[in-house]
């Protein structure tokens, strides 16, 4: 990582530039600014230009790079909590997986397709979608970590995910569907309560930290567990297929921190050096603030380089 490079110089993501130009440093400021006259129109125009530029190859920096899987790719929704506080925690968690070795981590660009595609809802609804996605960006700016991150959109298909899974070499997971559903049930909490015409069942996925709920009629608890776990597996698979496709498209390794997804990856491919280093547990850094970790990389570059080389040899 180059030393002495400021966040303002390092950014190659258009949303960082927009935040800087408009002096936005908090979600509160963004919430006040977005409803103003023509702000959303300007954002949408810039997103359309950015979408065309993103079709090129990823500008890989000098050191090792990796694609962050869902749960660490700084996006919210689906099997990831979208609350701003949770999105900031994603940044901390991601940095603890990459700071000691990787120079570039590719994460999901949610805002460019959100703003460049035709929006059919209200202006208020669009702002509500934008704001949570700004939380990790503002935090990256705050701690000086934007130069580590490259934003690129991932392609998720909820209709033909099984076909795409086999195309991406994940057929073994489809063949093990029953076992994976049983594993999900074993690692979740369930509850059900009467709700009008049926029973509202809830499945708390401890690994992902989210709860899936569904109103079901004429199903007993065991049937409901299988039904909900099947839906959860589909959610995981849709995201995993998108992650694997992105890693193949950009010819980079894929790093995941969700235990269940990690097991699925182990079932479908051999481990690599990048896998080992990404999953490396370094308890000594757990209490160190993310901003300090980034400063260590910047200010102690020679010692950091020696440390990284030692990690590579050990992983091999």
Protein backbone atom coordinates (compact mmCIF):
# COMPACT_ATOMS: atom_id res chain seq x y z
CA UNK A 1 0.00 0.00 0.00
CA UNK A 2 1.46 3.42 -0.88
CA UNK A 3 2.37 5.48 2.15
CA UNK A 4 1.22 9.03 2.76
CA UNK A 5 -1.74 8.78 0.39
CA UNK A 6 -4.83 10.56 1.65
CA UNK A 7 -8.34 9.24 1.34
CA UNK A 8 -9.27 12.15 -0.91
CA UNK A 9 -6.59 11.11 -3.43
CA UNK A 10 -7.15 7.37 -3.10
CA UNK A 11 -10.80 7.06 -4.05
CA UNK A 12 -11.75 5.64 -7.43
CA UNK A 13 -15.41 5.18 -6.50
CA UNK A 14 -17.71 7.92 -7.71
CA UNK A 15 -19.84 7.96 -4.54
CA UNK A 16 -16.80 8.90 -2.45
CA UNK A 17 -16.23 11.84 -4.79
CA UNK A 18 -19.87 12.91 -4.46
CA UNK A 19 -19.70 12.78 -0.67
CA UNK A 20 -16.52 14.85 -0.67
CA UNK A 21 -17.84 17.47 -3.10
CA UNK A 22 -20.95 17.99 -0.98
CA UNK A 23 -19.13 17.94 2.37
CA UNK A 24 -21.21 15.02 3.64
CA UNK A 25 -19.59 13.27 6.60
CA UNK A 26 -22.57 11.66 8.36
CA UNK A 27 -25.84 9.90 7.59
CA UNK A 28 -27.71 12.78 9.19
CA UNK A 29 -26.17 15.21 6.71
CA UNK A 30 -26.92 12.85 3.82
CA UNK A 31 -30.55 12.51 4.96
CA UNK A 32 -30.95 16.30 4.93
CA UNK A 33 -29.21 16.73 1.58
CA UNK A 34 -30.76 13.97 -0.55
CA UNK A 35 -34.34 15.40 -0.65
CA UNK A 36 -33.13 18.76 -1.99
CA UNK A 37 -33.96 19.90 -5.51
CA UNK A 38 -32.37 17.81 -8.29
CA UNK A 39 -29.92 16.02 -5.94
CA UNK A 40 -31.31 12.61 -6.83
CA UNK A 41 -31.31 13.50 -10.54
CA UNK A 42 -27.64 14.40 -10.34
CA UNK A 43 -26.86 11.15 -8.50
CA UNK A 44 -28.69 9.12 -11.10
CA UNK A 45 -26.83 10.80 -13.96
CA UNK A 46 -23.47 10.14 -12.31
CA UNK A 47 -24.45 6.53 -11.63
CA UNK A 48 -25.32 6.01 -15.30
CA UNK A 49 -21.86 7.25 -16.32
CA UNK A 50 -20.20 5.08 -13.68
CA UNK A 51 -22.11 1.98 -14.82
CA UNK A 52 -20.55 2.29 -18.27
CA UNK A 53 -17.04 2.73 -16.88
CA UNK A 54 -17.35 -0.30 -14.59
CA UNK A 55 -17.46 -2.67 -17.55
CA UNK A 56 -13.66 -2.59 -17.76
CA UNK A 57 -11.19 -4.73 -15.77
CA UNK A 58 -10.54 -4.10 -12.11
CA UNK A 59 -7.44 -1.90 -11.58
CA UNK A 60 -5.50 -4.34 -9.39
CA UNK A 61 -2.85 -2.74 -7.22
CA UNK A 62 0.65 -4.09 -6.57
CA UNK A 63 -0.21 -6.51 -3.76
CA UNK A 64 -2.62 -9.45 -3.39
CA UNK A 65 -6.35 -8.96 -3.99
CA UNK A 66 -9.54 -10.82 -3.04
CA UNK A 67 -13.32 -10.64 -3.55
CA UNK A 68 -15.36 -10.27 -0.34
CA UNK A 69 -18.30 -12.66 -0.16
CA UNK A 70 -21.77 -11.71 1.04
CA UNK A 71 -21.71 -10.77 4.71
CA UNK A 72 -18.44 -8.87 4.26
CA UNK A 73 -19.01 -7.10 0.94
CA UNK A 74 -20.43 -3.96 2.59
CA UNK A 75 -23.98 -4.53 1.36
CA UNK A 76 -27.12 -5.04 3.42
CA UNK A 77 -30.33 -6.98 2.96
CA UNK A 78 -31.21 -10.61 2.22
CA UNK A 79 -29.08 -12.65 4.67
CA UNK A 80 -27.30 -9.56 6.03
CA UNK A 81 -28.59 -7.00 8.52
CA UNK A 82 -29.08 -3.66 6.66
CA UNK A 83 -29.06 -1.39 9.73
CA UNK A 84 -26.38 1.36 9.52
CA UNK A 85 -24.71 0.15 12.73
CA UNK A 86 -24.49 -3.38 11.30
CA UNK A 87 -23.08 -2.02 8.05
CA UNK A 88 -20.31 -0.25 9.98
CA UNK A 89 -19.57 -3.50 11.79
CA UNK A 90 -19.19 -5.13 8.37
CA UNK A 91 -16.34 -2.71 7.69
CA UNK A 92 -14.57 -3.60 10.94
CA UNK A 93 -15.02 -7.31 10.31
CA UNK A 94 -13.83 -7.04 6.72
CA UNK A 95 -10.72 -5.08 7.64
CA UNK A 96 -9.74 -7.65 10.25
CA UNK A 97 -9.79 -10.28 7.50
CA UNK A 98 -7.82 -8.31 4.91
CA UNK A 99 -5.62 -5.66 6.54
CA UNK A 100 -2.71 -8.03 7.32
CA UNK A 101 -2.24 -9.29 3.76
CA UNK A 102 -4.47 -7.94 0.97
CA UNK A 103 -4.01 -4.63 -0.84
CA UNK A 104 -7.34 -4.68 -2.66
CA UNK A 105 -10.68 -6.15 -1.60
CA UNK A 106 -13.51 -6.09 -4.14
CA UNK A 107 -16.93 -5.41 -2.57
CA UNK A 108 -20.45 -5.10 -3.91
CA UNK A 109 -21.41 -1.80 -5.51
CA UNK A 110 -25.10 -1.54 -4.63
CA UNK A 111 -25.56 2.16 -5.35
CA UNK A 112 -24.56 2.29 -9.01
CA UNK A 113 -27.20 -0.18 -10.27
CA UNK A 114 -29.74 1.15 -7.77
CA UNK A 115 -29.39 4.66 -9.17
CA UNK A 116 -28.69 3.88 -12.83
CA UNK A 117 -31.61 1.47 -13.34
CA UNK A 118 -35.14 2.82 -13.72
CA UNK A 119 -36.70 3.47 -10.31
CA UNK A 120 -40.45 2.86 -10.13
CA UNK A 121 -41.04 3.80 -6.50
CA UNK A 122 -41.31 7.17 -4.79
CA UNK A 123 -38.49 9.59 -4.17
CA UNK A 124 -38.84 8.95 -0.43
CA UNK A 125 -38.49 5.20 -0.96
CA UNK A 126 -35.37 5.66 -3.07
CA UNK A 127 -33.74 7.80 -0.38
CA UNK A 128 -34.62 5.12 2.15
CA UNK A 129 -32.75 2.58 0.00
CA UNK A 130 -29.72 4.83 -0.49
CA UNK A 131 -29.03 5.86 3.09
CA UNK A 132 -28.03 2.48 4.62
CA UNK A 133 -25.59 1.90 1.75
CA UNK A 134 -23.83 5.17 2.59
CA UNK A 135 -23.04 4.04 6.15
CA UNK A 136 -20.01 1.85 5.29
CA UNK A 137 -18.71 4.44 2.81
CA UNK A 138 -18.75 7.22 5.39
CA UNK A 139 -17.01 4.94 7.86
CA UNK A 140 -14.34 3.97 5.32
CA UNK A 141 -13.69 7.68 4.74
CA UNK A 142 -13.57 8.33 8.47
CA UNK A 143 -10.88 5.70 9.16
CA UNK A 144 -8.87 6.26 5.96
CA UNK A 145 -9.49 2.80 4.49
CA UNK A 146 -11.08 3.60 1.12
CA UNK A 147 -7.89 2.83 -0.80
CA UNK A 148 -8.24 -0.82 0.19
CA UNK A 149 -11.66 -1.18 -1.40
CA UNK A 150 -12.79 -1.55 -5.01
CA UNK A 151 -16.55 -1.35 -5.64
CA UNK A 152 -18.03 -3.52 -8.40
CA UNK A 153 -21.62 -4.70 -8.85
CA UNK A 154 -22.46 -8.36 -8.38
CA UNK A 155 -25.09 -10.08 -10.48
CA UNK A 156 -27.75 -11.99 -8.51
CA UNK A 157 -30.39 -14.14 -10.22
CA UNK A 158 -33.19 -15.47 -8.02
CA UNK A 159 -35.01 -17.26 -10.84
CA UNK A 160 -32.32 -19.46 -12.42
CA UNK A 161 -29.89 -19.78 -9.51
CA UNK A 162 -29.77 -23.59 -9.71
CA UNK A 163 -28.69 -23.50 -13.36
CA UNK A 164 -26.09 -20.85 -12.56
CA UNK A 165 -24.86 -22.89 -9.57
CA UNK A 166 -24.05 -25.86 -11.81
CA UNK A 167 -22.45 -23.54 -14.37
CA UNK A 168 -20.15 -22.20 -11.64
CA UNK A 169 -19.12 -25.66 -10.41
CA UNK A 170 -21.41 -25.73 -7.37
CA UNK A 171 -23.37 -28.81 -8.40
CA UNK A 172 -22.12 -30.74 -5.36
CA UNK A 173 -24.10 -28.35 -3.16
CA UNK A 174 -27.30 -28.97 -5.08
CA UNK A 175 -26.72 -32.70 -4.78
CA UNK A 176 -26.28 -32.25 -0.99
CA UNK A 177 -29.39 -30.11 -0.58
CA UNK A 178 -31.05 -32.34 2.04
CA UNK A 179 -27.95 -32.39 4.25
CA UNK A 180 -27.48 -28.65 3.96
CA UNK A 181 -31.10 -28.06 4.97
CA UNK A 182 -30.63 -30.35 7.98
CA UNK A 183 -27.47 -28.41 8.94
CA UNK A 184 -29.35 -25.12 8.71
CA UNK A 185 -32.15 -26.44 10.92
CA UNK A 186 -29.61 -27.68 13.47
CA UNK A 187 -27.95 -24.26 13.61
CA UNK A 188 -31.10 -22.12 13.96
CA UNK A 189 -33.78 -21.25 16.49
CA UNK A 190 -37.45 -21.67 15.57
CA UNK A 191 -40.68 -20.38 17.02
CA UNK A 192 -44.29 -20.17 15.87
CA UNK A 193 -47.37 -18.26 16.94
CA UNK A 194 -50.96 -17.98 15.77
CA UNK A 195 -51.57 -15.15 13.32
CA UNK A 196 -55.06 -14.97 11.85
CA UNK A 197 -55.44 -17.49 9.04
CA UNK A 198 -52.27 -19.42 9.78
CA UNK A 199 -49.16 -19.68 11.92
CA UNK A 200 -46.31 -17.20 11.76
CA UNK A 201 -43.10 -19.21 11.92
CA UNK A 202 -39.73 -17.57 12.53
CA UNK A 203 -36.28 -18.98 11.85
CA UNK A 204 -33.38 -17.19 13.54
CA UNK A 205 -30.20 -17.91 11.57
CA UNK A 206 -27.48 -17.63 14.19
CA UNK A 207 -24.63 -17.70 11.67
CA UNK A 208 -25.93 -14.78 9.61
CA UNK A 209 -27.55 -12.97 12.53
CA UNK A 210 -30.87 -12.50 10.74
CA UNK A 211 -34.40 -13.84 11.23
CA UNK A 212 -36.63 -15.13 8.45
CA UNK A 213 -40.38 -15.18 9.09
CA UNK A 214 -43.21 -16.61 7.05
CA UNK A 215 -46.96 -17.06 7.47
CA UNK A 216 -47.80 -20.66 6.69
CA UNK A 217 -51.13 -22.47 6.69
CA UNK A 218 -51.70 -26.18 7.22
CA UNK A 219 -48.10 -27.01 8.13
CA UNK A 220 -46.85 -28.52 11.37
CA UNK A 221 -43.67 -27.31 13.02
CA UNK A 222 -41.37 -29.87 11.37
CA UNK A 223 -42.76 -29.11 7.92
CA UNK A 224 -42.37 -25.40 8.62
CA UNK A 225 -38.73 -25.91 9.62
CA UNK A 226 -37.97 -27.66 6.34
CA UNK A 227 -39.85 -25.01 4.36
CA UNK A 228 -38.06 -22.10 6.02
CA UNK A 229 -34.66 -23.78 5.88
CA UNK A 230 -35.18 -24.42 2.15
CA UNK A 231 -35.86 -20.71 1.65
CA UNK A 232 -32.77 -19.80 3.66
CA UNK A 233 -30.63 -22.18 1.62
CA UNK A 234 -31.93 -20.55 -1.54
CA UNK A 235 -30.96 -17.12 -0.18
CA UNK A 236 -27.47 -18.36 0.67
CA UNK A 237 -27.09 -20.02 -2.73
CA UNK A 238 -28.22 -16.99 -4.71
CA UNK A 239 -25.58 -14.92 -2.94
CA UNK A 240 -22.90 -17.60 -3.19
CA UNK A 241 -23.44 -18.05 -6.93
CA UNK A 242 -23.10 -14.27 -7.38
CA UNK A 243 -19.90 -14.30 -5.30
CA UNK A 244 -18.33 -17.21 -7.18
CA UNK A 245 -19.30 -15.67 -10.52
CA UNK A 246 -17.69 -12.36 -9.49
CA UNK A 247 -14.49 -14.09 -8.35
CA UNK A 248 -14.25 -15.99 -11.65
CA UNK A 249 -15.06 -12.91 -13.72
CA UNK A 250 -12.30 -10.91 -12.04
CA UNK A 251 -9.94 -13.90 -11.66
CA UNK A 252 -9.52 -13.39 -7.92
CA UNK A 253 -9.91 -15.61 -4.83
CA UNK A 254 -13.12 -15.37 -2.79
CA UNK A 255 -13.13 -14.77 0.96
CA UNK A 256 -16.09 -15.58 3.21
CA UNK A 257 -16.51 -15.17 6.97
CA UNK A 258 -19.94 -16.80 7.38
CA UNK A 259 -19.40 -20.29 8.77
CA UNK A 260 -22.16 -21.92 6.74
CA UNK A 261 -20.99 -20.35 3.48
CA UNK A 262 -17.43 -21.38 4.34
CA UNK A 263 -18.53 -24.99 4.67
CA UNK A 264 -20.30 -24.80 1.31
CA UNK A 265 -17.15 -23.44 -0.33
CA UNK A 266 -15.07 -26.25 1.18
CA UNK A 267 -17.52 -28.77 -0.29
CA UNK A 268 -17.17 -27.30 -3.76
CA UNK A 269 -13.46 -26.47 -4.17
CA UNK A 270 -9.98 -26.96 -2.65
CA UNK A 271 -8.59 -24.36 -0.27
CA UNK A 272 -6.05 -21.80 -1.51
CA UNK A 273 -3.34 -19.76 0.18
CA UNK A 274 -5.67 -16.74 0.06
CA UNK A 275 -8.38 -18.79 1.83
CA UNK A 276 -5.99 -19.66 4.64
CA UNK A 277 -4.79 -16.10 5.14
CA UNK A 278 -8.29 -14.60 4.86
CA UNK A 279 -9.55 -16.96 7.59
CA UNK A 280 -6.50 -16.41 9.78
CA UNK A 281 -7.51 -15.60 13.35
CA UNK A 282 -5.31 -12.92 14.94
CA UNK A 283 -6.69 -12.33 18.46
CA UNK A 284 -4.06 -9.66 19.10
CA UNK A 285 -5.82 -7.23 16.71
CA UNK A 286 -9.35 -7.72 18.03
CA UNK A 287 -9.17 -4.73 20.40
CA UNK A 288 -7.27 -2.45 18.01
CA UNK A 289 -9.52 0.18 16.35
CA UNK A 290 -9.81 -0.16 12.58
CA UNK A 291 -8.32 3.31 12.05
CA UNK A 292 -5.20 2.28 13.97
CA UNK A 293 -4.83 -0.89 11.90
CA UNK A 294 -4.90 1.17 8.73
CA UNK A 295 -2.34 3.60 10.21
CA UNK A 296 0.00 0.70 10.98
CA UNK A 297 -0.06 -0.37 7.33
CA UNK A 298 0.60 3.18 6.20
CA UNK A 299 3.23 4.30 8.73
CA UNK A 300 5.10 1.02 9.26
CA UNK A 301 5.14 -0.15 5.64
CA UNK A 302 8.56 -1.84 5.77
CA UNK A 303 7.74 -3.92 8.85
CA UNK A 304 4.29 -4.65 7.50
CA UNK A 305 5.77 -5.98 4.26
CA UNK A 306 8.06 -8.35 6.17
CA UNK A 307 5.10 -9.52 8.26
CA UNK A 308 3.02 -10.19 5.15
CA UNK A 309 5.80 -12.17 3.48
CA UNK A 310 6.09 -14.35 6.58
CA UNK A 311 2.33 -14.98 6.52
CA UNK A 312 2.50 -16.04 2.88
CA UNK A 313 5.27 -18.54 3.57
CA UNK A 314 3.40 -19.97 6.56
CA UNK A 315 0.14 -20.31 4.61
CA UNK A 316 1.86 -22.16 1.77
